[in-house]
Amino acid sequence: MIKFFLIILLFPWLCFADDQLAFTKLVDNMQTLKGSFSQKVIDSKNNVIQDVEGSFLFKKPNFFKWNYDRPFKSQIICDGELLYLYDPDLKQVVISALQKLGGVSPAMLLVSSSATDHFDIKTLEKAKLKIFEAIPKKIQDSTFKKVTIYFDDAILSEMHILDNLEHRTEIHFNQLESNKEINEGSFLFNVPEDVDVIKN
């Protein structure tokens, strides 16, 4: 009887560990990735409140660039140590130390080497379309509730983010190139002279 209860107690944990390992193996196969994306933000009443397109690239560990191209331009860049949020219309850049952010952002699920330290990850599907749900371990410190990541035949296809206001951000990835050489200089950000700098 004791052995039976130990199996019941341990089985969910063992499945959970397998889910995290499956996710880690998929993401570890993408040392670099670049492509384009379309992104919609949908409110709690199912209204589309933002519809944008752009391009992105990332390189492990902790390098990424997220370019919004249409209908407005802005950038999110991480050079491995600092995160830059640049809005050319406002002529403003917000700079934050990556270490202070604690690794809890949807992008870090793809580029960090320690995503499972900050997220509980479980598998929703195990067929050709693999779906993983990631929930921040310190959800009280997070601005979002969960991230759902879709892989189609081991290729990143979608990312859905549910924030604390019940808004859904749906990102669809296209024209992907994986494991091509990307120079770390691609992630450098030179602050323009006429831009206000806010250090977080």
Protein backbone atom coordinates (compact mmCIF):
# COMPACT_ATOMS: atom_id res chain seq x y z
CA MET A 1 0.00 0.00 0.00
CA ILE A 2 2.84 2.41 0.89
CA LYS A 3 4.54 1.62 -2.44
CA PHE A 4 1.27 2.36 -4.28
CA PHE A 5 0.91 5.77 -2.61
CA LEU A 6 4.55 6.62 -3.40
CA ILE A 7 3.87 5.90 -7.09
CA ILE A 8 0.76 8.12 -7.00
CA LEU A 9 2.73 10.87 -5.27
CA LEU A 10 5.76 10.72 -7.57
CA PHE A 11 4.05 10.14 -10.93
CA PRO A 12 2.94 13.77 -11.52
CA TRP A 13 6.45 15.00 -10.68
CA LEU A 14 8.05 12.49 -13.04
CA CYS A 15 5.72 13.55 -15.88
CA PHE A 16 6.46 17.19 -15.11
CA ALA A 17 10.21 16.52 -15.29
CA ASP A 18 9.76 14.75 -18.65
CA ASP A 19 7.81 17.75 -19.99
CA GLN A 20 10.60 20.15 -19.00
CA LEU A 21 13.22 17.87 -20.57
CA ALA A 22 11.23 17.65 -23.84
CA PHE A 23 10.93 21.44 -23.99
CA THR A 24 14.61 21.97 -23.19
CA LYS A 25 15.69 19.55 -25.92
CA LEU A 26 13.59 21.35 -28.54
CA VAL A 27 14.81 24.81 -27.56
CA ASP A 28 18.45 23.70 -27.22
CA ASN A 29 18.36 22.68 -30.88
CA MET A 30 17.85 26.38 -31.76
CA GLN A 31 21.15 28.04 -30.93
CA THR A 32 20.27 30.88 -33.28
CA LEU A 33 17.01 31.79 -34.99
CA LYS A 34 15.81 34.61 -37.21
CA GLY A 35 12.68 35.30 -39.18
CA SER A 36 9.56 37.45 -39.35
CA PHE A 37 6.46 37.57 -37.17
CA SER A 38 2.92 38.87 -37.00
CA GLN A 39 1.51 39.81 -33.61
CA LYS A 40 -2.01 40.52 -32.38
CA VAL A 41 -3.09 41.67 -28.94
CA ILE A 42 -6.67 40.67 -28.05
CA ASP A 43 -8.49 42.02 -25.02
CA SER A 44 -10.72 40.15 -22.58
CA LYS A 45 -13.76 40.92 -24.78
CA ASN A 46 -12.06 39.37 -27.81
CA ASN A 47 -11.38 42.71 -29.51
CA VAL A 48 -8.12 43.09 -31.45
CA ILE A 49 -6.42 46.14 -29.92
CA GLN A 50 -3.07 45.81 -31.68
CA ASP A 51 -1.99 44.22 -34.98
CA VAL A 52 1.69 44.55 -35.90
CA GLU A 53 4.40 42.89 -38.00
CA GLY A 54 8.14 42.77 -37.80
CA SER A 55 11.31 40.72 -37.74
CA PHE A 56 13.45 39.14 -35.05
CA LEU A 57 16.68 37.31 -34.38
CA PHE A 58 18.17 35.65 -31.34
CA LYS A 59 21.34 33.91 -30.31
CA LYS A 60 21.92 31.89 -27.18
CA PRO A 61 22.51 32.77 -24.48
CA ASN A 62 20.49 35.94 -23.89
CA PHE A 63 20.93 37.82 -27.17
CA PHE A 64 17.81 38.92 -29.03
CA LYS A 65 16.46 41.69 -31.22
CA TRP A 66 12.74 42.25 -31.79
CA ASN A 67 11.95 44.80 -34.53
CA TYR A 68 8.43 46.18 -34.94
CA ASP A 69 8.18 47.43 -38.54
CA ARG A 70 4.47 47.96 -39.30
CA PRO A 71 2.35 50.01 -38.61
CA PHE A 72 4.88 51.66 -36.26
CA LYS A 73 8.56 51.18 -35.57
CA SER A 74 10.15 50.23 -32.26
CA GLN A 75 12.78 47.82 -31.00
CA ILE A 76 13.46 45.51 -28.09
CA ILE A 77 17.14 44.53 -27.96
CA CYS A 78 19.15 42.49 -25.49
CA ASP A 79 22.95 42.44 -25.83
CA GLY A 80 23.40 39.69 -23.26
CA GLU A 81 23.61 42.08 -20.31
CA LEU A 82 21.32 45.05 -20.96
CA LEU A 83 17.78 45.24 -22.31
CA TYR A 84 16.87 48.23 -24.48
CA LEU A 85 13.28 49.32 -25.21
CA TYR A 86 13.53 51.88 -28.00
CA ASP A 87 10.66 54.02 -29.25
CA PRO A 88 11.83 56.31 -32.10
CA ASP A 89 8.52 58.21 -32.18
CA LEU A 90 8.89 59.18 -28.53
CA LYS A 91 12.66 59.56 -28.97
CA GLN A 92 13.13 57.49 -25.85
CA VAL A 93 15.02 54.37 -24.80
CA VAL A 94 14.54 52.52 -21.52
CA ILE A 95 17.60 50.53 -20.41
CA SER A 96 17.38 47.73 -17.84
CA ALA A 97 19.95 45.29 -16.52
CA LEU A 98 18.96 41.81 -17.65
CA GLN A 99 19.98 40.36 -14.29
CA LYS A 100 17.49 42.61 -12.48
CA LEU A 101 14.63 41.26 -14.60
CA GLY A 102 15.18 37.83 -13.08
CA GLY A 103 14.85 35.86 -16.32
CA VAL A 104 11.05 36.02 -16.26
CA SER A 105 9.98 37.19 -19.72
CA PRO A 106 8.45 35.24 -22.61
CA ALA A 107 11.54 35.84 -24.77
CA MET A 108 13.80 34.26 -22.14
CA LEU A 109 12.00 30.96 -22.64
CA LEU A 110 13.68 30.78 -26.04
CA VAL A 111 17.07 32.41 -25.44
CA SER A 112 17.95 31.60 -21.82
CA SER A 113 19.96 28.55 -20.83
CA SER A 114 18.06 28.40 -17.51
CA ALA A 115 14.39 28.88 -18.49
CA THR A 116 13.28 25.95 -16.33
CA ASP A 117 14.70 27.74 -13.27
CA HIS A 118 12.07 30.44 -13.72
CA PHE A 119 9.13 28.58 -15.29
CA ASP A 120 7.08 25.48 -14.62
CA ILE A 121 6.62 23.85 -18.04
CA LYS A 122 4.19 21.13 -19.04
CA THR A 123 3.26 19.47 -22.32
CA LEU A 124 -0.26 19.91 -23.69
CA GLU A 125 0.21 17.87 -26.88
CA LYS A 126 2.71 15.20 -27.91
CA ALA A 127 1.78 14.64 -31.55
CA LYS A 128 3.42 16.32 -34.56
CA LEU A 129 2.24 19.65 -33.11
CA LYS A 130 3.97 19.99 -29.73
CA ILE A 131 2.45 22.52 -27.35
CA PHE A 132 4.07 23.62 -24.10
CA GLU A 133 2.58 25.75 -21.35
CA ALA A 134 5.01 27.78 -19.23
CA ILE A 135 3.92 29.43 -15.97
CA PRO A 136 6.26 31.75 -14.01
CA LYS A 137 7.36 30.19 -10.72
CA LYS A 138 7.14 33.61 -9.04
CA ILE A 139 3.87 34.56 -10.64
CA GLN A 140 3.29 37.34 -8.10
CA ASP A 141 6.29 39.19 -9.59
CA SER A 142 5.28 38.63 -13.21
CA THR A 143 3.22 40.80 -15.58
CA PHE A 144 1.80 37.72 -17.30
CA LYS A 145 0.10 34.51 -16.20
CA LYS A 146 1.30 31.99 -18.75
CA VAL A 147 2.97 31.48 -22.11
CA THR A 148 1.91 28.79 -24.58
CA ILE A 149 4.53 27.83 -27.17
CA TYR A 150 3.75 25.83 -30.31
CA PHE A 151 6.22 23.73 -32.30
CA ASP A 152 5.18 22.23 -35.63
CA ASP A 153 7.42 19.24 -36.40
CA ALA A 154 10.08 20.63 -34.00
CA ILE A 155 9.95 24.10 -35.63
CA LEU A 156 8.78 27.12 -33.61
CA SER A 157 5.43 28.25 -35.01
CA GLU A 158 3.48 30.30 -32.43
CA MET A 159 3.66 31.89 -29.00
CA HIS A 160 0.60 32.98 -27.01
CA ILE A 161 0.93 35.14 -23.89
CA LEU A 162 -1.84 35.72 -21.36
CA ASP A 163 -1.17 38.80 -19.23
CA ASN A 164 -2.57 39.88 -15.88
CA LEU A 165 -5.28 41.97 -17.58
CA GLU A 166 -6.52 38.88 -19.45
CA HIS A 167 -5.15 40.26 -22.72
CA ARG A 168 -3.85 37.64 -25.15
CA THR A 169 -0.82 38.31 -27.32
CA GLU A 170 -0.69 35.90 -30.26
CA ILE A 171 2.58 35.76 -32.21
CA HIS A 172 2.94 33.76 -35.43
CA PHE A 173 6.48 33.08 -36.71
CA ASN A 174 7.37 32.87 -40.41
CA GLN A 175 10.37 32.53 -42.76
CA LEU A 176 12.52 30.98 -40.05
CA GLU A 177 16.23 30.28 -40.41
CA SER A 178 17.69 28.19 -37.61
CA ASN A 179 21.31 27.77 -36.51
CA LYS A 180 22.77 30.20 -39.05
CA GLU A 181 25.78 32.26 -37.99
CA ILE A 182 24.72 35.54 -36.33
CA ASN A 183 27.40 37.98 -35.19
CA GLU A 184 26.93 39.30 -31.65
CA GLY A 185 27.46 42.78 -33.05
CA SER A 186 23.95 42.50 -34.50
CA PHE A 187 22.62 42.96 -30.97
CA LEU A 188 24.52 46.13 -30.10
CA PHE A 189 22.43 49.27 -29.59
CA ASN A 190 23.96 52.68 -30.13
CA VAL A 191 21.83 55.34 -28.46
CA PRO A 192 21.08 58.20 -30.88
CA GLU A 193 22.13 61.67 -29.68
CA ASP A 194 18.62 63.18 -29.61
CA VAL A 195 17.06 60.35 -27.57
CA ASP A 196 16.08 60.50 -23.89
CA VAL A 197 17.66 57.70 -21.87
CA ILE A 198 15.79 56.21 -18.92
CA LYS A 199 17.82 53.78 -16.82
CA ASN A 200 15.67 51.29 -14.96
